[in-house]
Amino acid sequence: MPAHDSSPDSSIPVEVVLAMPEVQYRVELDVCPGTTAREAVRLAVGAGLIPLDARVDTDPLQAPLGVYSEKVEDNYRCQAGDRVEIYRPLQQDPKDMRRQRARQST
């Protein structure tokens, strides 16, 4: 895993976020070029992304990841300015929700 280095010539800025229903957790990091999305999440968790008293419904070290709403693999190489998103499980299937709304509107 690339080492965290904050010198301007050898790092890129990325943001890691986890959105919960009532609060969004976010950490801004400077990481080495070549750092993967999963490594950025590990660094963010180590930097205190999620407060100790927070109740979260997903394990950020195992959850699916995305960058600006596009799903990415764990080995995606972060680019300067990326926002790495930690995805939570869906509470309801979107197709079921549409069907329920359609039934209610008729």
N, C-alpha and C. Protein backbone atom coordinates (compact mmCIF):
# COMPACT_ATOMS: atom_id res chain seq x y z
N MET A 1 0.85 -1.17 0.00
CA MET A 1 0.00 0.00 0.00
C MET A 1 0.89 1.22 0.00
N PRO A 2 0.61 2.22 -0.86
CA PRO A 2 1.44 3.40 -0.88
C PRO A 2 1.40 4.12 0.46
N ALA A 3 2.52 4.67 0.84
CA ALA A 3 2.58 5.41 2.10
C ALA A 3 1.95 6.78 1.93
N HIS A 4 1.35 7.30 2.98
CA HIS A 4 0.77 8.64 2.97
C HIS A 4 1.89 9.65 3.01
N ASP A 5 1.85 10.58 2.06
CA ASP A 5 2.89 11.59 1.98
C ASP A 5 2.21 12.90 1.64
N SER A 6 2.40 13.91 2.46
CA SER A 6 1.69 15.16 2.25
C SER A 6 2.50 16.20 1.51
N SER A 7 3.69 15.90 1.02
CA SER A 7 4.45 16.90 0.27
C SER A 7 3.76 17.13 -1.07
N PRO A 8 3.68 18.40 -1.51
CA PRO A 8 2.89 18.73 -2.68
C PRO A 8 3.32 18.02 -3.96
N ASP A 9 4.60 17.74 -4.13
CA ASP A 9 5.08 17.12 -5.36
C ASP A 9 4.78 15.64 -5.44
N SER A 10 4.47 15.00 -4.33
CA SER A 10 4.30 13.55 -4.35
C SER A 10 2.93 13.10 -3.85
N SER A 11 1.94 13.99 -3.87
CA SER A 11 0.63 13.57 -3.39
C SER A 11 -0.47 14.21 -4.24
N ILE A 12 -1.65 13.60 -4.14
CA ILE A 12 -2.83 14.12 -4.82
C ILE A 12 -3.96 14.22 -3.80
N PRO A 13 -4.83 15.23 -3.93
CA PRO A 13 -5.94 15.36 -2.98
C PRO A 13 -7.11 14.47 -3.39
N VAL A 14 -7.67 13.75 -2.42
CA VAL A 14 -8.89 12.98 -2.62
C VAL A 14 -9.78 13.17 -1.40
N GLU A 15 -11.05 12.90 -1.58
CA GLU A 15 -12.01 12.98 -0.49
C GLU A 15 -12.68 11.62 -0.39
N VAL A 16 -12.93 11.16 0.83
CA VAL A 16 -13.64 9.90 1.07
C VAL A 16 -14.90 10.25 1.84
N VAL A 17 -16.05 9.74 1.38
CA VAL A 17 -17.32 10.06 2.01
C VAL A 17 -18.15 8.81 2.28
N LEU A 18 -18.93 8.89 3.36
CA LEU A 18 -19.92 7.87 3.70
C LEU A 18 -21.17 8.63 4.12
N ALA A 19 -22.25 8.49 3.37
CA ALA A 19 -23.49 9.20 3.66
C ALA A 19 -24.44 8.29 4.42
N MET A 20 -24.87 8.75 5.57
CA MET A 20 -25.89 8.06 6.35
C MET A 20 -27.18 8.86 6.22
N PRO A 21 -28.33 8.34 6.67
CA PRO A 21 -29.58 9.08 6.50
C PRO A 21 -29.56 10.49 7.11
N GLU A 22 -28.94 10.66 8.25
CA GLU A 22 -28.98 11.97 8.91
C GLU A 22 -27.66 12.74 8.85
N VAL A 23 -26.59 12.09 8.47
CA VAL A 23 -25.28 12.76 8.51
C VAL A 23 -24.37 12.20 7.44
N GLN A 24 -23.48 13.06 6.97
CA GLN A 24 -22.47 12.61 6.00
C GLN A 24 -21.11 12.74 6.65
N TYR A 25 -20.35 11.66 6.59
CA TYR A 25 -18.98 11.66 7.10
C TYR A 25 -18.04 11.86 5.93
N ARG A 26 -17.05 12.72 6.09
CA ARG A 26 -16.11 12.96 5.00
C ARG A 26 -14.74 13.31 5.56
N VAL A 27 -13.73 12.89 4.82
CA VAL A 27 -12.34 13.18 5.17
C VAL A 27 -11.62 13.56 3.88
N GLU A 28 -10.86 14.63 3.94
CA GLU A 28 -10.01 15.01 2.82
C GLU A 28 -8.60 14.49 3.11
N LEU A 29 -7.99 13.88 2.11
CA LEU A 29 -6.67 13.28 2.26
C LEU A 29 -5.75 13.72 1.14
N ASP A 30 -4.47 13.69 1.39
CA ASP A 30 -3.45 13.77 0.36
C ASP A 30 -2.83 12.39 0.29
N VAL A 31 -2.91 11.75 -0.86
CA VAL A 31 -2.41 10.38 -1.02
C VAL A 31 -1.38 10.34 -2.14
N CYS A 32 -0.60 9.30 -2.14
CA CYS A 32 0.40 9.10 -3.20
C CYS A 32 -0.29 8.77 -4.52
N PRO A 33 0.25 9.25 -5.63
CA PRO A 33 -0.28 8.81 -6.92
C PRO A 33 -0.23 7.28 -6.98
N GLY A 34 -1.27 6.68 -7.53
CA GLY A 34 -1.33 5.22 -7.59
C GLY A 34 -2.11 4.59 -6.45
N THR A 35 -2.51 5.39 -5.46
CA THR A 35 -3.31 4.87 -4.35
C THR A 35 -4.65 4.39 -4.90
N THR A 36 -5.07 3.20 -4.47
CA THR A 36 -6.36 2.67 -4.94
C THR A 36 -7.51 3.23 -4.10
N ALA A 37 -8.71 3.06 -4.63
CA ALA A 37 -9.90 3.52 -3.91
C ALA A 37 -9.99 2.84 -2.54
N ARG A 38 -9.75 1.53 -2.48
CA ARG A 38 -9.84 0.81 -1.21
C ARG A 38 -8.77 1.29 -0.23
N GLU A 39 -7.57 1.56 -0.72
CA GLU A 39 -6.51 2.08 0.14
C GLU A 39 -6.89 3.46 0.68
N ALA A 40 -7.52 4.28 -0.15
CA ALA A 40 -7.96 5.60 0.31
C ALA A 40 -8.99 5.46 1.43
N VAL A 41 -9.89 4.48 1.30
CA VAL A 41 -10.88 4.25 2.36
C VAL A 41 -10.17 3.82 3.65
N ARG A 42 -9.21 2.91 3.54
CA ARG A 42 -8.46 2.49 4.74
C ARG A 42 -7.78 3.68 5.41
N LEU A 43 -7.16 4.53 4.61
CA LEU A 43 -6.50 5.73 5.15
C LEU A 43 -7.51 6.65 5.82
N ALA A 44 -8.69 6.81 5.20
CA ALA A 44 -9.72 7.68 5.76
C ALA A 44 -10.25 7.14 7.08
N VAL A 45 -10.46 5.83 7.14
CA VAL A 45 -10.92 5.23 8.40
C VAL A 45 -9.86 5.44 9.47
N GLY A 46 -8.60 5.26 9.13
CA GLY A 46 -7.52 5.49 10.08
C GLY A 46 -7.41 6.95 10.51
N ALA A 47 -7.84 7.85 9.63
CA ALA A 47 -7.80 9.28 9.94
C ALA A 47 -9.05 9.76 10.67
N GLY A 48 -9.94 8.82 11.02
CA GLY A 48 -11.13 9.18 11.80
C GLY A 48 -12.36 9.52 10.99
N LEU A 49 -12.50 8.93 9.81
CA LEU A 49 -13.68 9.18 8.98
C LEU A 49 -14.97 9.00 9.76
N ILE A 50 -15.05 7.91 10.51
CA ILE A 50 -16.26 7.59 11.26
C ILE A 50 -15.96 7.74 12.75
N PRO A 51 -16.66 8.66 13.43
CA PRO A 51 -16.45 8.81 14.88
C PRO A 51 -16.72 7.50 15.62
N LEU A 52 -16.03 7.31 16.71
CA LEU A 52 -16.16 6.07 17.48
C LEU A 52 -17.59 5.82 17.95
N ASP A 53 -18.34 6.88 18.25
CA ASP A 53 -19.70 6.71 18.75
C ASP A 53 -20.75 6.66 17.65
N ALA A 54 -20.33 6.68 16.39
CA ALA A 54 -21.27 6.67 15.27
C ALA A 54 -21.85 5.28 15.06
N ARG A 55 -23.10 5.26 14.63
CA ARG A 55 -23.75 3.99 14.30
C ARG A 55 -23.89 3.93 12.78
N VAL A 56 -23.16 3.02 12.18
CA VAL A 56 -23.22 2.87 10.72
C VAL A 56 -23.70 1.46 10.40
N ASP A 57 -24.37 1.33 9.25
CA ASP A 57 -24.96 0.05 8.87
C ASP A 57 -24.14 -0.70 7.83
N THR A 58 -22.89 -0.30 7.65
CA THR A 58 -22.03 -0.97 6.68
C THR A 58 -20.59 -0.93 7.15
N ASP A 59 -19.81 -1.90 6.70
CA ASP A 59 -18.39 -1.93 7.00
C ASP A 59 -17.67 -1.22 5.86
N PRO A 60 -17.11 -0.04 6.09
CA PRO A 60 -16.48 0.71 5.01
C PRO A 60 -15.30 -0.02 4.36
N LEU A 61 -14.71 -0.95 5.08
CA LEU A 61 -13.57 -1.68 4.52
C LEU A 61 -14.00 -2.81 3.59
N GLN A 62 -15.31 -3.12 3.57
CA GLN A 62 -15.84 -4.18 2.71
C GLN A 62 -16.89 -3.69 1.72
N ALA A 63 -17.45 -2.52 1.95
CA ALA A 63 -18.57 -2.02 1.15
C ALA A 63 -18.15 -1.70 -0.28
N PRO A 64 -19.11 -1.74 -1.21
CA PRO A 64 -18.82 -1.30 -2.58
C PRO A 64 -18.42 0.17 -2.60
N LEU A 65 -17.64 0.54 -3.62
CA LEU A 65 -17.12 1.90 -3.72
C LEU A 65 -17.50 2.53 -5.06
N GLY A 66 -17.50 3.85 -5.08
CA GLY A 66 -17.73 4.59 -6.31
C GLY A 66 -16.94 5.87 -6.28
N VAL A 67 -16.83 6.49 -7.45
CA VAL A 67 -16.22 7.81 -7.58
C VAL A 67 -17.20 8.66 -8.37
N TYR A 68 -17.70 9.71 -7.73
CA TYR A 68 -18.70 10.59 -8.34
C TYR A 68 -19.85 9.79 -8.95
N SER A 69 -20.44 8.93 -8.13
CA SER A 69 -21.65 8.16 -8.47
C SER A 69 -21.43 7.06 -9.51
N GLU A 70 -20.21 6.77 -9.86
CA GLU A 70 -19.90 5.67 -10.77
C GLU A 70 -19.20 4.57 -9.97
N LYS A 71 -19.78 3.38 -9.98
CA LYS A 71 -19.17 2.27 -9.23
C LYS A 71 -17.77 1.98 -9.78
N VAL A 72 -16.83 1.76 -8.86
CA VAL A 72 -15.46 1.41 -9.24
C VAL A 72 -15.02 0.17 -8.48
N GLU A 73 -14.04 -0.50 -9.02
CA GLU A 73 -13.45 -1.67 -8.36
C GLU A 73 -12.49 -1.18 -7.27
N ASP A 74 -12.18 -2.07 -6.34
CA ASP A 74 -11.26 -1.73 -5.26
C ASP A 74 -9.91 -1.23 -5.77
N ASN A 75 -9.47 -1.75 -6.92
CA ASN A 75 -8.13 -1.41 -7.42
C ASN A 75 -8.13 -0.18 -8.34
N TYR A 76 -9.25 0.55 -8.41
CA TYR A 76 -9.29 1.80 -9.17
C TYR A 76 -8.22 2.74 -8.62
N ARG A 77 -7.42 3.32 -9.48
CA ARG A 77 -6.36 4.25 -9.08
C ARG A 77 -6.94 5.65 -8.97
N CYS A 78 -6.87 6.23 -7.78
CA CYS A 78 -7.43 7.56 -7.54
C CYS A 78 -6.72 8.61 -8.38
N GLN A 79 -7.51 9.58 -8.82
CA GLN A 79 -7.02 10.74 -9.55
C GLN A 79 -7.18 11.96 -8.65
N ALA A 80 -6.40 12.99 -8.90
CA ALA A 80 -6.49 14.22 -8.11
C ALA A 80 -7.92 14.75 -8.15
N GLY A 81 -8.47 15.05 -6.98
CA GLY A 81 -9.80 15.60 -6.87
C GLY A 81 -10.92 14.58 -6.80
N ASP A 82 -10.62 13.29 -6.84
CA ASP A 82 -11.66 12.26 -6.76
C ASP A 82 -12.39 12.32 -5.42
N ARG A 83 -13.68 12.00 -5.46
CA ARG A 83 -14.46 11.80 -4.25
C ARG A 83 -14.81 10.31 -4.21
N VAL A 84 -14.15 9.57 -3.33
CA VAL A 84 -14.41 8.13 -3.20
C VAL A 84 -15.61 7.97 -2.27
N GLU A 85 -16.65 7.31 -2.78
CA GLU A 85 -17.89 7.14 -2.05
C GLU A 85 -18.02 5.70 -1.56
N ILE A 86 -18.37 5.56 -0.30
CA ILE A 86 -18.60 4.24 0.29
C ILE A 86 -20.11 4.00 0.22
N TYR A 87 -20.51 2.95 -0.51
CA TYR A 87 -21.93 2.70 -0.72
C TYR A 87 -22.50 1.80 0.36
N ARG A 88 -23.70 2.17 0.81
CA ARG A 88 -24.44 1.39 1.80
C ARG A 88 -25.43 0.49 1.07
N PRO A 89 -25.89 -0.58 1.73
CA PRO A 89 -26.90 -1.44 1.09
C PRO A 89 -28.22 -0.69 0.91
N LEU A 90 -28.93 -1.01 -0.17
CA LEU A 90 -30.25 -0.40 -0.40
C LEU A 90 -31.23 -0.90 0.65
N GLN A 91 -32.08 0.01 1.12
CA GLN A 91 -33.10 -0.36 2.09
C GLN A 91 -34.31 -0.96 1.39
N GLN A 92 -34.58 -0.51 0.15
CA GLN A 92 -35.68 -1.03 -0.64
C GLN A 92 -35.22 -1.13 -2.08
N ASP A 93 -35.76 -2.09 -2.80
CA ASP A 93 -35.47 -2.25 -4.21
C ASP A 93 -36.14 -1.11 -4.98
N PRO A 94 -35.39 -0.35 -5.79
CA PRO A 94 -35.99 0.77 -6.54
C PRO A 94 -37.14 0.35 -7.44
N LYS A 95 -37.08 -0.85 -8.01
CA LYS A 95 -38.18 -1.32 -8.87
C LYS A 95 -39.45 -1.52 -8.04
N ASP A 96 -39.29 -2.09 -6.85
CA ASP A 96 -40.45 -2.27 -5.97
C ASP A 96 -41.05 -0.93 -5.57
N MET A 97 -40.20 0.05 -5.30
CA MET A 97 -40.68 1.38 -4.92
C MET A 97 -41.49 2.01 -6.06
N ARG A 98 -41.00 1.87 -7.31
CA ARG A 98 -41.73 2.42 -8.47
C ARG A 98 -43.09 1.72 -8.62
N ARG A 99 -43.10 0.41 -8.44
CA ARG A 99 -44.37 -0.34 -8.55
C ARG A 99 -45.37 0.14 -7.49
N GLN A 100 -44.90 0.35 -6.27
CA GLN A 100 -45.78 0.82 -5.20
C GLN A 100 -46.34 2.20 -5.53
N ARG A 101 -45.50 3.09 -6.04
CA ARG A 101 -45.97 4.44 -6.41
C ARG A 101 -46.98 4.36 -7.56
N ALA A 102 -46.72 3.48 -8.52
CA ALA A 102 -47.64 3.35 -9.65
C ALA A 102 -49.00 2.84 -9.18
N ARG A 103 -49.01 1.86 -8.26
CA ARG A 103 -50.28 1.33 -7.72
C ARG A 103 -51.04 2.41 -6.96
N GLN A 104 -50.31 3.25 -6.22
CA GLN A 104 -50.96 4.30 -5.40
C GLN A 104 -51.54 5.41 -6.28
N SER A 105 -50.94 5.64 -7.45
CA SER A 105 -51.41 6.75 -8.28
C SER A 105 -52.58 6.36 -9.18
N THR A 106 -52.95 5.08 -9.22
CA THR A 106 -54.08 4.66 -10.07
C THR A 106 -55.36 4.52 -9.29
